[in-house]
Amino acid sequence: MIKVELKEVLQKNWSVEQAPEMFCFGLLEEFDIRQLAALVAPRLVRFRQPSDRAKKELADLADWYRLLDAQCNPLTQ
């Protein structure tokens, strides 16, 4: 389950034990969740319980999915 952006892991100083799904070493050096979600569009992506910050930073993904004629807003259930 993806709940936050990768950089939030660093800001909150989470360990692998706290959020193992967020640890793909080296990935943050090249990409962030927003870019990864855009790359897989129009395939379905859902963010569960995104933080307010994530909602703000990922808001334009819905426009990207609409542009690709996908019936998906990644920030809604």
N, C-alpha and C. Protein backbone atom coordinates (compact mmCIF):
# COMPACT_ATOMS: atom_id res chain seq x y z
N MET A 1 0.84 -1.17 0.00
CA MET A 1 0.00 0.00 0.00
C MET A 1 0.89 1.24 0.00
N ILE A 2 0.72 2.10 -0.95
CA ILE A 2 1.47 3.35 -1.02
C ILE A 2 0.66 4.43 -0.33
N LYS A 3 1.21 4.99 0.74
CA LYS A 3 0.49 6.00 1.49
C LYS A 3 1.11 7.38 1.32
N VAL A 4 2.36 7.46 0.94
CA VAL A 4 3.08 8.72 0.91
C VAL A 4 4.01 8.76 -0.28
N GLU A 5 4.58 9.91 -0.52
CA GLU A 5 5.63 10.02 -1.51
C GLU A 5 6.93 9.50 -0.92
N LEU A 6 7.82 9.09 -1.77
CA LEU A 6 9.07 8.53 -1.30
C LEU A 6 9.87 9.51 -0.43
N LYS A 7 9.85 10.78 -0.79
CA LYS A 7 10.65 11.72 0.00
C LYS A 7 10.12 11.89 1.41
N GLU A 8 8.84 11.56 1.64
CA GLU A 8 8.31 11.62 3.00
C GLU A 8 8.95 10.56 3.89
N VAL A 9 9.37 9.45 3.31
CA VAL A 9 10.07 8.41 4.08
C VAL A 9 11.32 9.01 4.69
N LEU A 10 12.02 9.81 3.90
CA LEU A 10 13.24 10.44 4.40
C LEU A 10 12.92 11.51 5.44
N GLN A 11 11.92 12.32 5.15
CA GLN A 11 11.57 13.40 6.07
C GLN A 11 11.08 12.88 7.42
N LYS A 12 10.37 11.76 7.39
CA LYS A 12 9.83 11.18 8.64
C LYS A 12 10.78 10.17 9.26
N ASN A 13 11.91 9.92 8.58
CA ASN A 13 12.95 9.03 9.08
C ASN A 13 12.42 7.63 9.38
N TRP A 14 11.60 7.10 8.48
CA TRP A 14 11.05 5.76 8.67
C TRP A 14 12.12 4.71 8.43
N SER A 15 11.95 3.59 9.08
CA SER A 15 12.85 2.46 8.87
C SER A 15 12.19 1.47 7.91
N VAL A 16 12.96 0.51 7.45
CA VAL A 16 12.44 -0.54 6.58
C VAL A 16 11.34 -1.31 7.31
N GLU A 17 11.50 -1.50 8.59
CA GLU A 17 10.50 -2.23 9.37
C GLU A 17 9.17 -1.48 9.43
N GLN A 18 9.19 -0.16 9.42
CA GLN A 18 7.97 0.63 9.51
C GLN A 18 7.21 0.69 8.19
N ALA A 19 7.90 0.70 7.08
CA ALA A 19 7.25 0.83 5.77
C ALA A 19 8.09 0.12 4.71
N PRO A 20 8.16 -1.20 4.76
CA PRO A 20 9.04 -1.92 3.83
C PRO A 20 8.68 -1.72 2.36
N GLU A 21 7.41 -1.50 2.06
CA GLU A 21 7.00 -1.31 0.67
C GLU A 21 7.53 -0.02 0.06
N MET A 22 8.00 0.89 0.89
CA MET A 22 8.50 2.16 0.40
C MET A 22 10.00 2.13 0.10
N PHE A 23 10.66 1.03 0.37
CA PHE A 23 12.10 0.97 0.21
C PHE A 23 12.51 0.19 -1.03
N CYS A 24 12.89 0.91 -2.04
CA CYS A 24 13.48 0.36 -3.25
C CYS A 24 14.74 1.19 -3.44
N PHE A 25 15.82 0.73 -2.89
CA PHE A 25 17.03 1.53 -2.79
C PHE A 25 17.52 2.03 -4.14
N GLY A 26 17.80 3.33 -4.19
CA GLY A 26 18.26 3.98 -5.41
C GLY A 26 17.15 4.59 -6.25
N LEU A 27 15.91 4.18 -6.02
CA LEU A 27 14.80 4.67 -6.84
C LEU A 27 14.60 6.18 -6.68
N LEU A 28 14.68 6.67 -5.46
CA LEU A 28 14.45 8.10 -5.21
C LEU A 28 15.49 8.98 -5.89
N GLU A 29 16.66 8.44 -6.17
CA GLU A 29 17.68 9.21 -6.86
C GLU A 29 17.23 9.59 -8.27
N GLU A 30 16.36 8.78 -8.87
CA GLU A 30 15.95 8.99 -10.25
C GLU A 30 14.48 9.40 -10.41
N PHE A 31 13.60 8.90 -9.55
CA PHE A 31 12.16 9.10 -9.71
C PHE A 31 11.49 9.37 -8.38
N ASP A 32 10.28 9.91 -8.46
CA ASP A 32 9.41 10.01 -7.30
C ASP A 32 8.08 9.36 -7.69
N ILE A 33 7.23 9.15 -6.73
CA ILE A 33 5.97 8.46 -6.96
C ILE A 33 5.16 9.12 -8.08
N ARG A 34 5.13 10.42 -8.12
CA ARG A 34 4.36 11.14 -9.16
C ARG A 34 4.84 10.73 -10.55
N GLN A 35 6.15 10.70 -10.74
CA GLN A 35 6.70 10.33 -12.04
C GLN A 35 6.42 8.86 -12.36
N LEU A 36 6.52 8.00 -11.37
CA LEU A 36 6.26 6.58 -11.59
C LEU A 36 4.80 6.34 -11.96
N ALA A 37 3.88 7.01 -11.26
CA ALA A 37 2.46 6.87 -11.57
C ALA A 37 2.16 7.38 -12.98
N ALA A 38 2.80 8.46 -13.39
CA ALA A 38 2.59 8.98 -14.74
C ALA A 38 3.14 8.02 -15.78
N LEU A 39 4.22 7.35 -15.48
CA LEU A 39 4.82 6.41 -16.43
C LEU A 39 3.93 5.19 -16.69
N VAL A 40 3.19 4.74 -15.69
CA VAL A 40 2.37 3.55 -15.87
C VAL A 40 0.98 3.87 -16.42
N ALA A 41 0.64 5.14 -16.48
CA ALA A 41 -0.67 5.53 -17.02
C ALA A 41 -0.78 5.04 -18.46
N PRO A 42 -1.94 4.61 -18.88
CA PRO A 42 -3.26 4.71 -18.25
C PRO A 42 -3.63 3.53 -17.35
N ARG A 43 -2.67 2.69 -16.97
CA ARG A 43 -3.00 1.59 -16.07
C ARG A 43 -3.42 2.13 -14.71
N LEU A 44 -4.26 1.38 -14.04
CA LEU A 44 -4.83 1.81 -12.76
C LEU A 44 -3.77 1.94 -11.68
N VAL A 45 -3.78 3.08 -11.01
CA VAL A 45 -2.94 3.33 -9.84
C VAL A 45 -3.85 3.93 -8.79
N ARG A 46 -3.75 3.46 -7.58
CA ARG A 46 -4.53 4.01 -6.47
C ARG A 46 -3.62 4.30 -5.29
N PHE A 47 -3.79 5.46 -4.68
CA PHE A 47 -3.06 5.83 -3.48
C PHE A 47 -4.03 5.70 -2.31
N ARG A 48 -3.69 4.87 -1.37
CA ARG A 48 -4.54 4.69 -0.19
C ARG A 48 -4.09 5.63 0.91
N GLN A 49 -5.04 6.33 1.45
CA GLN A 49 -4.80 7.25 2.56
C GLN A 49 -3.64 8.21 2.28
N PRO A 50 -3.67 8.91 1.14
CA PRO A 50 -2.57 9.86 0.88
C PRO A 50 -2.60 11.00 1.88
N SER A 51 -1.45 11.47 2.26
CA SER A 51 -1.36 12.62 3.17
C SER A 51 -1.84 13.87 2.42
N ASP A 52 -2.11 14.92 3.16
CA ASP A 52 -2.53 16.18 2.52
C ASP A 52 -1.46 16.68 1.56
N ARG A 53 -0.22 16.53 1.96
CA ARG A 53 0.88 16.95 1.09
C ARG A 53 0.90 16.13 -0.20
N ALA A 54 0.73 14.82 -0.08
CA ALA A 54 0.71 13.96 -1.26
C ALA A 54 -0.45 14.33 -2.17
N LYS A 55 -1.61 14.59 -1.59
CA LYS A 55 -2.78 15.00 -2.39
C LYS A 55 -2.47 16.26 -3.20
N LYS A 56 -1.81 17.20 -2.56
CA LYS A 56 -1.48 18.46 -3.24
C LYS A 56 -0.46 18.21 -4.37
N GLU A 57 0.57 17.45 -4.08
CA GLU A 57 1.64 17.25 -5.05
C GLU A 57 1.25 16.29 -6.18
N LEU A 58 0.25 15.45 -5.94
CA LEU A 58 -0.18 14.47 -6.94
C LEU A 58 -1.47 14.86 -7.66
N ALA A 59 -2.01 16.02 -7.33
CA ALA A 59 -3.32 16.42 -7.86
C ALA A 59 -3.38 16.43 -9.38
N ASP A 60 -2.32 16.80 -10.05
CA ASP A 60 -2.36 16.88 -11.51
C ASP A 60 -2.31 15.52 -12.21
N LEU A 61 -2.12 14.44 -11.45
CA LEU A 61 -2.15 13.11 -12.07
C LEU A 61 -3.52 12.80 -12.68
N ALA A 62 -4.59 13.30 -12.06
CA ALA A 62 -5.93 13.07 -12.61
C ALA A 62 -6.03 13.66 -14.01
N ASP A 63 -5.46 14.84 -14.22
CA ASP A 63 -5.46 15.47 -15.54
C ASP A 63 -4.68 14.62 -16.54
N TRP A 64 -3.56 14.07 -16.12
CA TRP A 64 -2.73 13.22 -16.98
C TRP A 64 -3.51 11.98 -17.40
N TYR A 65 -4.19 11.36 -16.46
CA TYR A 65 -4.98 10.17 -16.78
C TYR A 65 -6.13 10.51 -17.73
N ARG A 66 -6.78 11.66 -17.52
CA ARG A 66 -7.85 12.08 -18.43
C ARG A 66 -7.31 12.32 -19.84
N LEU A 67 -6.13 12.92 -19.93
CA LEU A 67 -5.51 13.17 -21.23
C LEU A 67 -5.30 11.86 -21.99
N LEU A 68 -5.01 10.79 -21.26
CA LEU A 68 -4.80 9.48 -21.86
C LEU A 68 -6.10 8.68 -21.97
N ASP A 69 -7.21 9.36 -21.74
CA ASP A 69 -8.55 8.76 -21.83
C ASP A 69 -8.74 7.59 -20.87
N ALA A 70 -8.13 7.68 -19.70
CA ALA A 70 -8.29 6.65 -18.67
C ALA A 70 -9.35 7.12 -17.69
N GLN A 71 -10.18 6.21 -17.27
CA GLN A 71 -11.24 6.53 -16.31
C GLN A 71 -10.73 6.28 -14.90
N CYS A 72 -9.73 7.01 -14.51
CA CYS A 72 -9.09 6.78 -13.22
C CYS A 72 -8.61 8.10 -12.64
N ASN A 73 -8.88 8.30 -11.37
CA ASN A 73 -8.26 9.37 -10.61
C ASN A 73 -7.49 8.68 -9.49
N PRO A 74 -6.17 8.66 -9.54
CA PRO A 74 -5.38 7.91 -8.56
C PRO A 74 -5.61 8.28 -7.11
N LEU A 75 -6.15 9.45 -6.85
CA LEU A 75 -6.33 9.89 -5.47
C LEU A 75 -7.71 9.58 -4.91
N THR A 76 -8.57 8.93 -5.66
CA THR A 76 -9.89 8.58 -5.15
C THR A 76 -10.01 7.08 -5.02
N GLN A 77 -10.90 6.67 -4.17
CA GLN A 77 -11.11 5.22 -3.96
C GLN A 77 -11.90 4.62 -5.07
